[in-house]
């Protein structure tokens, strides 16, 4: 049975090596964090039921979170990994130099390889540490119609619920629009 027959939504998580994609997915999947770094060599994926609440409604859907390795040498394969994605999350480490440049790189890769209707979200990871470039990132997200920008911390869990809600709302809205 295919994902579409089960109504499972595919979400791709992209970003530079060691930005915390796997840690965010682990936090979403099991609400845990590990200090042991194990690089993703190609892809990894986790299935999870995501839900969001509004004051008058609770909604959700089954998802498969695809953790796509950030190593440059596999980027030509991204188009294959993106196939059938219904949402995308660009993850970046807020402590690394030029975070906006990294976001733009992944945004362009997604836009060149995904249908325009796919919502893109941005998650600034490691928010437990000070970050000072939020305005330029928010401006870029607004200018480029990025569905949401959320600062998160896979380490302490801050912002994880918010990004889950944004992703889930985007998946439901996209489904209703089709």
Foldseek 3Di string as FASTA:
>chain_A
DDCVVQVAAEEEEEFAAPLQPVLLVCCQAPVDGDPDDDFDDAKDKDKDWFWADDPVDIDIHIYIYIYGGRDPVCLVCVLVVCPRHQEYEYEGALPDPPRVVRVVVVVVSCPVRDPPLRAYEYEHEPVVDDHDPVVVVVVVCVVVVHQYYFYAYSHVGPRSSVVSNSNGVSSVVSVVVD
